[in-house]
Amino acid sequence: MAHLTTDTASFEFIPAKKLKVYLVEEDMHSREPMSLAILHLLQEGEIESATVFKAIEGFGEGRVIHTDKTEISSLNLPVTIEATDVPEKIESIIEQIGGLMTSGLVEVSRTFILRPLSNREDRPSSQGEQPC
């Protein structure tokens, strides 16, 4: 891992991948929302972090704009799930996510995680590792 030092903070510089899954609210898997099914899958896969965002406007494959501004078009708002971790962990979960989906879009991009070095000793490790 590389270290990045600036005037205000020092960071551990970790190569990572960001996974973004684009859905709509009405997408389901079994009897639960698809977003929740994918979030549980990411948690079970011990992905570092994941967040579900509900949009106020957007469109998808059908190019129909859904917005929370009108009651009729607010029934199927866009939902995005973002997850970030080391490349190996993101790559290992992509196929499982694809197996759940029948529509939507999956995006994977290279990124970096910047973890403050000054906080490493102060916080407990989530995976039982010793601090650097």
N, C-alpha and C. Protein backbone atom coordinates (compact mmCIF):
# COMPACT_ATOMS: atom_id res chain seq x y z
N MET A 1 0.83 -1.17 0.00
CA MET A 1 0.00 0.00 0.00
C MET A 1 0.88 1.24 0.00
N ALA A 2 0.53 2.19 -0.80
CA ALA A 2 1.25 3.45 -0.85
C ALA A 2 0.68 4.40 0.19
N HIS A 3 1.46 5.40 0.54
CA HIS A 3 0.99 6.42 1.47
C HIS A 3 1.00 7.76 0.77
N LEU A 4 -0.03 8.55 1.00
CA LEU A 4 -0.16 9.87 0.43
C LEU A 4 -0.12 10.86 1.59
N THR A 5 0.78 11.82 1.52
CA THR A 5 0.87 12.81 2.58
C THR A 5 0.57 14.18 2.01
N THR A 6 -0.31 14.91 2.67
CA THR A 6 -0.62 16.28 2.29
C THR A 6 -0.33 17.16 3.49
N ASP A 7 -0.57 18.46 3.37
CA ASP A 7 -0.34 19.37 4.48
C ASP A 7 -1.27 19.09 5.65
N THR A 8 -2.45 18.53 5.41
CA THR A 8 -3.44 18.38 6.46
C THR A 8 -3.62 16.95 6.96
N ALA A 9 -3.26 15.95 6.18
CA ALA A 9 -3.51 14.57 6.62
C ALA A 9 -2.63 13.59 5.86
N SER A 10 -2.47 12.43 6.44
CA SER A 10 -1.77 11.33 5.78
C SER A 10 -2.76 10.20 5.57
N PHE A 11 -2.67 9.59 4.40
CA PHE A 11 -3.60 8.55 4.04
C PHE A 11 -2.88 7.30 3.56
N GLU A 12 -3.48 6.17 3.84
CA GLU A 12 -3.12 4.92 3.20
C GLU A 12 -3.84 4.94 1.86
N PHE A 13 -3.14 4.68 0.78
CA PHE A 13 -3.63 4.81 -0.58
C PHE A 13 -3.85 3.40 -1.11
N ILE A 14 -5.11 2.94 -1.22
CA ILE A 14 -5.43 1.55 -1.54
C ILE A 14 -6.12 1.47 -2.90
N PRO A 15 -5.52 0.79 -3.88
CA PRO A 15 -6.23 0.57 -5.16
C PRO A 15 -7.52 -0.20 -4.90
N ALA A 16 -8.60 0.21 -5.54
CA ALA A 16 -9.90 -0.40 -5.30
C ALA A 16 -10.75 -0.38 -6.56
N LYS A 17 -11.94 -0.95 -6.46
CA LYS A 17 -12.94 -0.86 -7.52
C LYS A 17 -14.26 -0.42 -6.90
N LYS A 18 -14.99 0.37 -7.68
CA LYS A 18 -16.32 0.80 -7.27
C LYS A 18 -17.34 0.11 -8.16
N LEU A 19 -18.31 -0.49 -7.53
CA LEU A 19 -19.41 -1.16 -8.20
C LEU A 19 -20.64 -0.28 -8.05
N LYS A 20 -21.30 0.01 -9.17
CA LYS A 20 -22.56 0.76 -9.13
C LYS A 20 -23.61 -0.07 -9.85
N VAL A 21 -24.73 -0.26 -9.18
CA VAL A 21 -25.84 -1.01 -9.75
C VAL A 21 -27.02 -0.06 -9.87
N TYR A 22 -27.56 0.06 -11.08
CA TYR A 22 -28.69 0.95 -11.36
C TYR A 22 -29.95 0.10 -11.50
N LEU A 23 -30.95 0.41 -10.68
CA LEU A 23 -32.22 -0.30 -10.67
C LEU A 23 -33.36 0.70 -10.61
N VAL A 24 -34.57 0.18 -10.49
CA VAL A 24 -35.73 0.99 -10.15
C VAL A 24 -36.39 0.36 -8.93
N GLU A 25 -37.16 1.16 -8.22
CA GLU A 25 -37.78 0.70 -6.96
C GLU A 25 -38.57 -0.59 -7.11
N GLU A 26 -39.24 -0.75 -8.22
CA GLU A 26 -40.12 -1.90 -8.39
C GLU A 26 -39.38 -3.20 -8.73
N ASP A 27 -38.09 -3.15 -9.01
CA ASP A 27 -37.33 -4.38 -9.28
C ASP A 27 -37.33 -5.25 -8.03
N MET A 28 -37.71 -6.51 -8.21
CA MET A 28 -37.82 -7.43 -7.08
C MET A 28 -36.99 -8.69 -7.32
N HIS A 29 -36.59 -9.31 -6.21
CA HIS A 29 -35.97 -10.63 -6.23
C HIS A 29 -36.68 -11.44 -5.16
N SER A 30 -37.29 -12.55 -5.58
CA SER A 30 -38.18 -13.30 -4.69
C SER A 30 -39.24 -12.32 -4.19
N ARG A 31 -39.36 -12.13 -2.90
CA ARG A 31 -40.40 -11.23 -2.40
C ARG A 31 -39.83 -9.99 -1.72
N GLU A 32 -38.59 -9.64 -2.06
CA GLU A 32 -37.99 -8.45 -1.47
C GLU A 32 -37.47 -7.53 -2.56
N PRO A 33 -37.33 -6.25 -2.26
CA PRO A 33 -36.78 -5.33 -3.26
C PRO A 33 -35.39 -5.79 -3.71
N MET A 34 -35.12 -5.67 -5.00
CA MET A 34 -33.83 -6.07 -5.55
C MET A 34 -32.68 -5.34 -4.85
N SER A 35 -32.88 -4.05 -4.53
CA SER A 35 -31.82 -3.29 -3.87
C SER A 35 -31.46 -3.92 -2.53
N LEU A 36 -32.44 -4.40 -1.79
CA LEU A 36 -32.18 -5.03 -0.50
C LEU A 36 -31.50 -6.39 -0.68
N ALA A 37 -31.92 -7.15 -1.69
CA ALA A 37 -31.29 -8.44 -1.97
C ALA A 37 -29.80 -8.25 -2.31
N ILE A 38 -29.50 -7.24 -3.12
CA ILE A 38 -28.11 -6.97 -3.49
C ILE A 38 -27.32 -6.46 -2.29
N LEU A 39 -27.93 -5.60 -1.48
CA LEU A 39 -27.26 -5.11 -0.28
C LEU A 39 -26.90 -6.26 0.65
N HIS A 40 -27.82 -7.20 0.84
CA HIS A 40 -27.53 -8.37 1.68
C HIS A 40 -26.40 -9.21 1.08
N LEU A 41 -26.41 -9.38 -0.23
CA LEU A 41 -25.35 -10.13 -0.90
C LEU A 41 -23.99 -9.47 -0.69
N LEU A 42 -23.93 -8.15 -0.78
CA LEU A 42 -22.68 -7.41 -0.55
C LEU A 42 -22.22 -7.55 0.89
N GLN A 43 -23.16 -7.52 1.82
CA GLN A 43 -22.82 -7.68 3.23
C GLN A 43 -22.28 -9.08 3.50
N GLU A 44 -22.96 -10.09 2.97
CA GLU A 44 -22.51 -11.48 3.14
C GLU A 44 -21.14 -11.71 2.50
N GLY A 45 -20.85 -10.98 1.40
CA GLY A 45 -19.57 -11.08 0.73
C GLY A 45 -18.48 -10.26 1.41
N GLU A 46 -18.80 -9.65 2.55
CA GLU A 46 -17.86 -8.86 3.34
C GLU A 46 -17.21 -7.72 2.55
N ILE A 47 -18.05 -7.07 1.72
CA ILE A 47 -17.59 -5.90 0.98
C ILE A 47 -17.40 -4.76 1.98
N GLU A 48 -16.36 -3.96 1.78
CA GLU A 48 -15.97 -2.89 2.71
C GLU A 48 -17.10 -1.91 3.01
N SER A 49 -17.77 -1.42 1.97
CA SER A 49 -18.86 -0.47 2.20
C SER A 49 -19.86 -0.54 1.05
N ALA A 50 -21.11 -0.27 1.38
CA ALA A 50 -22.16 -0.24 0.36
C ALA A 50 -23.26 0.71 0.82
N THR A 51 -23.83 1.44 -0.12
CA THR A 51 -24.89 2.39 0.17
C THR A 51 -25.94 2.32 -0.93
N VAL A 52 -27.21 2.43 -0.55
CA VAL A 52 -28.31 2.48 -1.50
C VAL A 52 -28.82 3.91 -1.55
N PHE A 53 -28.91 4.46 -2.76
CA PHE A 53 -29.40 5.82 -2.98
C PHE A 53 -30.72 5.76 -3.74
N LYS A 54 -31.71 6.49 -3.27
CA LYS A 54 -32.98 6.61 -3.99
C LYS A 54 -32.99 7.97 -4.66
N ALA A 55 -33.17 7.97 -5.96
CA ALA A 55 -33.12 9.20 -6.73
C ALA A 55 -34.46 9.94 -6.69
N ILE A 56 -34.41 11.21 -7.01
CA ILE A 56 -35.64 11.99 -7.12
C ILE A 56 -36.10 12.10 -8.56
N GLU A 57 -35.19 11.86 -9.52
CA GLU A 57 -35.53 11.85 -10.94
C GLU A 57 -34.54 10.99 -11.69
N GLY A 58 -34.97 10.48 -12.83
CA GLY A 58 -34.06 9.72 -13.68
C GLY A 58 -34.82 8.90 -14.70
N PHE A 59 -34.05 8.25 -15.58
CA PHE A 59 -34.64 7.34 -16.54
C PHE A 59 -33.71 6.16 -16.74
N GLY A 60 -34.24 5.10 -17.30
CA GLY A 60 -33.46 3.89 -17.53
C GLY A 60 -33.62 3.40 -18.94
N GLU A 61 -33.67 2.07 -19.08
CA GLU A 61 -33.70 1.43 -20.39
C GLU A 61 -34.84 1.91 -21.28
N GLY A 62 -36.01 2.18 -20.70
CA GLY A 62 -37.17 2.61 -21.48
C GLY A 62 -37.17 4.09 -21.82
N ARG A 63 -36.21 4.83 -21.31
CA ARG A 63 -36.05 6.28 -21.56
C ARG A 63 -37.26 7.10 -21.07
N VAL A 64 -38.04 6.54 -20.13
CA VAL A 64 -39.16 7.25 -19.54
C VAL A 64 -38.65 7.94 -18.28
N ILE A 65 -38.85 9.25 -18.18
CA ILE A 65 -38.38 9.97 -17.00
C ILE A 65 -39.36 9.75 -15.84
N HIS A 66 -38.80 9.31 -14.72
CA HIS A 66 -39.56 9.14 -13.49
C HIS A 66 -39.11 10.23 -12.54
N THR A 67 -40.05 10.85 -11.87
CA THR A 67 -39.75 11.96 -10.98
C THR A 67 -40.65 11.89 -9.75
N ASP A 68 -40.17 12.44 -8.65
CA ASP A 68 -41.03 12.48 -7.46
C ASP A 68 -41.95 13.71 -7.48
N LYS A 69 -41.91 14.47 -8.58
CA LYS A 69 -42.71 15.70 -8.67
C LYS A 69 -44.16 15.45 -9.09
N THR A 70 -44.42 14.30 -9.71
CA THR A 70 -45.79 13.96 -10.06
C THR A 70 -46.12 12.58 -9.51
N GLU A 71 -47.32 12.42 -9.04
CA GLU A 71 -47.72 11.17 -8.41
C GLU A 71 -47.63 9.98 -9.37
N ILE A 72 -48.03 10.18 -10.62
CA ILE A 72 -48.05 9.08 -11.59
C ILE A 72 -46.65 8.57 -11.89
N SER A 73 -45.69 9.47 -12.12
CA SER A 73 -44.35 9.01 -12.51
C SER A 73 -43.43 8.78 -11.31
N SER A 74 -43.96 8.92 -10.09
CA SER A 74 -43.11 8.69 -8.91
C SER A 74 -43.20 7.26 -8.41
N LEU A 75 -43.89 6.40 -9.13
CA LEU A 75 -44.09 5.03 -8.66
C LEU A 75 -42.88 4.13 -8.86
N ASN A 76 -41.97 4.49 -9.71
CA ASN A 76 -40.87 3.60 -10.03
C ASN A 76 -39.56 4.39 -10.14
N LEU A 77 -39.19 5.05 -9.05
CA LEU A 77 -38.02 5.92 -9.05
C LEU A 77 -36.72 5.12 -9.16
N PRO A 78 -35.69 5.73 -9.74
CA PRO A 78 -34.39 5.07 -9.84
C PRO A 78 -33.76 4.83 -8.47
N VAL A 79 -33.03 3.73 -8.37
CA VAL A 79 -32.27 3.37 -7.17
C VAL A 79 -30.87 2.99 -7.63
N THR A 80 -29.87 3.49 -6.92
CA THR A 80 -28.48 3.15 -7.22
C THR A 80 -27.83 2.56 -5.98
N ILE A 81 -27.08 1.49 -6.16
CA ILE A 81 -26.31 0.89 -5.08
C ILE A 81 -24.84 1.10 -5.42
N GLU A 82 -24.08 1.64 -4.49
CA GLU A 82 -22.63 1.80 -4.67
C GLU A 82 -21.91 0.97 -3.64
N ALA A 83 -20.88 0.27 -4.08
CA ALA A 83 -20.05 -0.53 -3.18
C ALA A 83 -18.59 -0.34 -3.59
N THR A 84 -17.71 -0.26 -2.60
CA THR A 84 -16.29 -0.07 -2.87
C THR A 84 -15.47 -1.05 -2.03
N ASP A 85 -14.48 -1.65 -2.66
CA ASP A 85 -13.57 -2.55 -1.95
C ASP A 85 -12.38 -2.84 -2.87
N VAL A 86 -11.50 -3.70 -2.41
CA VAL A 86 -10.35 -4.08 -3.24
C VAL A 86 -10.85 -4.81 -4.48
N PRO A 87 -10.12 -4.73 -5.59
CA PRO A 87 -10.61 -5.31 -6.85
C PRO A 87 -11.03 -6.77 -6.75
N GLU A 88 -10.27 -7.59 -6.04
CA GLU A 88 -10.58 -9.02 -5.97
C GLU A 88 -11.96 -9.28 -5.37
N LYS A 89 -12.32 -8.53 -4.33
CA LYS A 89 -13.61 -8.75 -3.68
C LYS A 89 -14.77 -8.27 -4.55
N ILE A 90 -14.60 -7.14 -5.23
CA ILE A 90 -15.66 -6.65 -6.12
C ILE A 90 -15.83 -7.62 -7.29
N GLU A 91 -14.73 -8.05 -7.89
CA GLU A 91 -14.80 -8.97 -9.03
C GLU A 91 -15.45 -10.30 -8.64
N SER A 92 -15.24 -10.74 -7.41
CA SER A 92 -15.79 -12.03 -6.99
C SER A 92 -17.31 -11.99 -6.78
N ILE A 93 -17.88 -10.81 -6.62
CA ILE A 93 -19.31 -10.71 -6.33
C ILE A 93 -20.15 -10.31 -7.54
N ILE A 94 -19.51 -9.83 -8.60
CA ILE A 94 -20.24 -9.33 -9.77
C ILE A 94 -21.12 -10.41 -10.40
N GLU A 95 -20.61 -11.60 -10.55
CA GLU A 95 -21.39 -12.67 -11.19
C GLU A 95 -22.63 -13.02 -10.38
N GLN A 96 -22.51 -13.00 -9.05
CA GLN A 96 -23.67 -13.28 -8.19
C GLN A 96 -24.74 -12.20 -8.35
N ILE A 97 -24.31 -10.95 -8.44
CA ILE A 97 -25.27 -9.85 -8.63
C ILE A 97 -25.96 -10.00 -9.98
N GLY A 98 -25.20 -10.30 -11.01
CA GLY A 98 -25.78 -10.51 -12.34
C GLY A 98 -26.79 -11.63 -12.36
N GLY A 99 -26.59 -12.64 -11.53
CA GLY A 99 -27.53 -13.76 -11.45
C GLY A 99 -28.86 -13.37 -10.84
N LEU A 100 -28.89 -12.30 -10.06
CA LEU A 100 -30.13 -11.83 -9.44
C LEU A 100 -30.94 -10.94 -10.37
N MET A 101 -30.25 -10.19 -11.23
CA MET A 101 -30.88 -9.12 -12.00
C MET A 101 -31.52 -9.62 -13.30
N THR A 102 -32.67 -9.02 -13.63
CA THR A 102 -33.30 -9.27 -14.93
C THR A 102 -33.35 -8.00 -15.76
N SER A 103 -33.06 -6.86 -15.13
CA SER A 103 -32.97 -5.58 -15.83
C SER A 103 -32.04 -4.69 -15.02
N GLY A 104 -31.74 -3.53 -15.56
CA GLY A 104 -30.86 -2.60 -14.87
C GLY A 104 -29.51 -2.53 -15.54
N LEU A 105 -28.57 -1.96 -14.83
CA LEU A 105 -27.23 -1.72 -15.37
C LEU A 105 -26.22 -1.88 -14.25
N VAL A 106 -25.09 -2.48 -14.55
CA VAL A 106 -23.99 -2.62 -13.59
C VAL A 106 -22.78 -1.92 -14.16
N GLU A 107 -22.15 -1.11 -13.35
CA GLU A 107 -20.94 -0.37 -13.75
C GLU A 107 -19.84 -0.68 -12.75
N VAL A 108 -18.63 -0.93 -13.26
CA VAL A 108 -17.47 -1.15 -12.40
C VAL A 108 -16.36 -0.22 -12.88
N SER A 109 -15.76 0.49 -11.93
CA SER A 109 -14.68 1.41 -12.29
C SER A 109 -13.55 1.31 -11.29
N ARG A 110 -12.35 1.65 -11.77
CA ARG A 110 -11.19 1.69 -10.88
C ARG A 110 -11.23 2.95 -10.04
N THR A 111 -10.82 2.83 -8.80
CA THR A 111 -10.79 3.98 -7.90
C THR A 111 -9.71 3.74 -6.85
N PHE A 112 -9.65 4.60 -5.86
CA PHE A 112 -8.73 4.44 -4.75
C PHE A 112 -9.47 4.72 -3.46
N ILE A 113 -9.14 3.98 -2.43
CA ILE A 113 -9.63 4.25 -1.09
C ILE A 113 -8.52 5.00 -0.37
N LEU A 114 -8.85 6.13 0.21
CA LEU A 114 -7.89 6.88 1.02
C LEU A 114 -8.31 6.74 2.47
N ARG A 115 -7.52 6.00 3.23
CA ARG A 115 -7.85 5.76 4.64
C ARG A 115 -6.88 6.56 5.50
N PRO A 116 -7.38 7.43 6.38
CA PRO A 116 -6.48 8.24 7.22
C PRO A 116 -5.56 7.36 8.07
N LEU A 117 -4.26 7.61 8.00
CA LEU A 117 -3.30 6.85 8.79
C LEU A 117 -3.41 7.18 10.27
N SER A 118 -3.71 8.40 10.61
CA SER A 118 -3.77 8.81 12.01
C SER A 118 -4.87 8.10 12.78
N ASN A 119 -5.89 7.60 12.08
CA ASN A 119 -7.00 6.93 12.75
C ASN A 119 -6.84 5.42 12.80
N ARG A 120 -5.85 4.86 12.15
CA ARG A 120 -5.72 3.40 12.07
C ARG A 120 -5.57 2.76 13.44
N GLU A 121 -4.79 3.35 14.35
CA GLU A 121 -4.59 2.74 15.65
C GLU A 121 -5.79 2.94 16.57
N ASP A 122 -6.59 3.97 16.32
CA ASP A 122 -7.69 4.32 17.21
C ASP A 122 -8.94 3.49 16.98
N ARG A 123 -9.13 2.93 15.80
CA ARG A 123 -10.38 2.25 15.53
C ARG A 123 -10.17 0.74 15.47
N PRO A 124 -11.17 -0.01 15.94
CA PRO A 124 -11.06 -1.46 15.87
C PRO A 124 -11.14 -1.94 14.44
N SER A 125 -10.44 -2.99 14.15
CA SER A 125 -10.45 -3.56 12.81
C SER A 125 -11.71 -4.36 12.61
N SER A 126 -12.32 -4.24 11.42
CA SER A 126 -13.55 -4.96 11.13
C SER A 126 -13.30 -6.42 10.79
N GLN A 127 -12.07 -6.78 10.48
CA GLN A 127 -11.80 -8.16 10.09
C GLN A 127 -10.77 -8.82 10.99
N GLY A 128 -10.57 -8.27 12.20
CA GLY A 128 -9.65 -8.88 13.14
C GLY A 128 -8.19 -8.67 12.82
N GLU A 129 -7.87 -7.78 11.89
CA GLU A 129 -6.49 -7.52 11.54
C GLU A 129 -5.87 -6.56 12.55
N GLN A 130 -4.58 -6.65 12.71
CA GLN A 130 -3.87 -5.74 13.57
C GLN A 130 -3.62 -4.44 12.82
N PRO A 131 -3.68 -3.27 13.51
CA PRO A 131 -3.40 -2.00 12.82
C PRO A 131 -1.98 -1.96 12.29
N CYS A 132 -1.79 -1.19 11.21
CA CYS A 132 -0.46 -1.05 10.62
C CYS A 132 0.46 -0.28 11.53
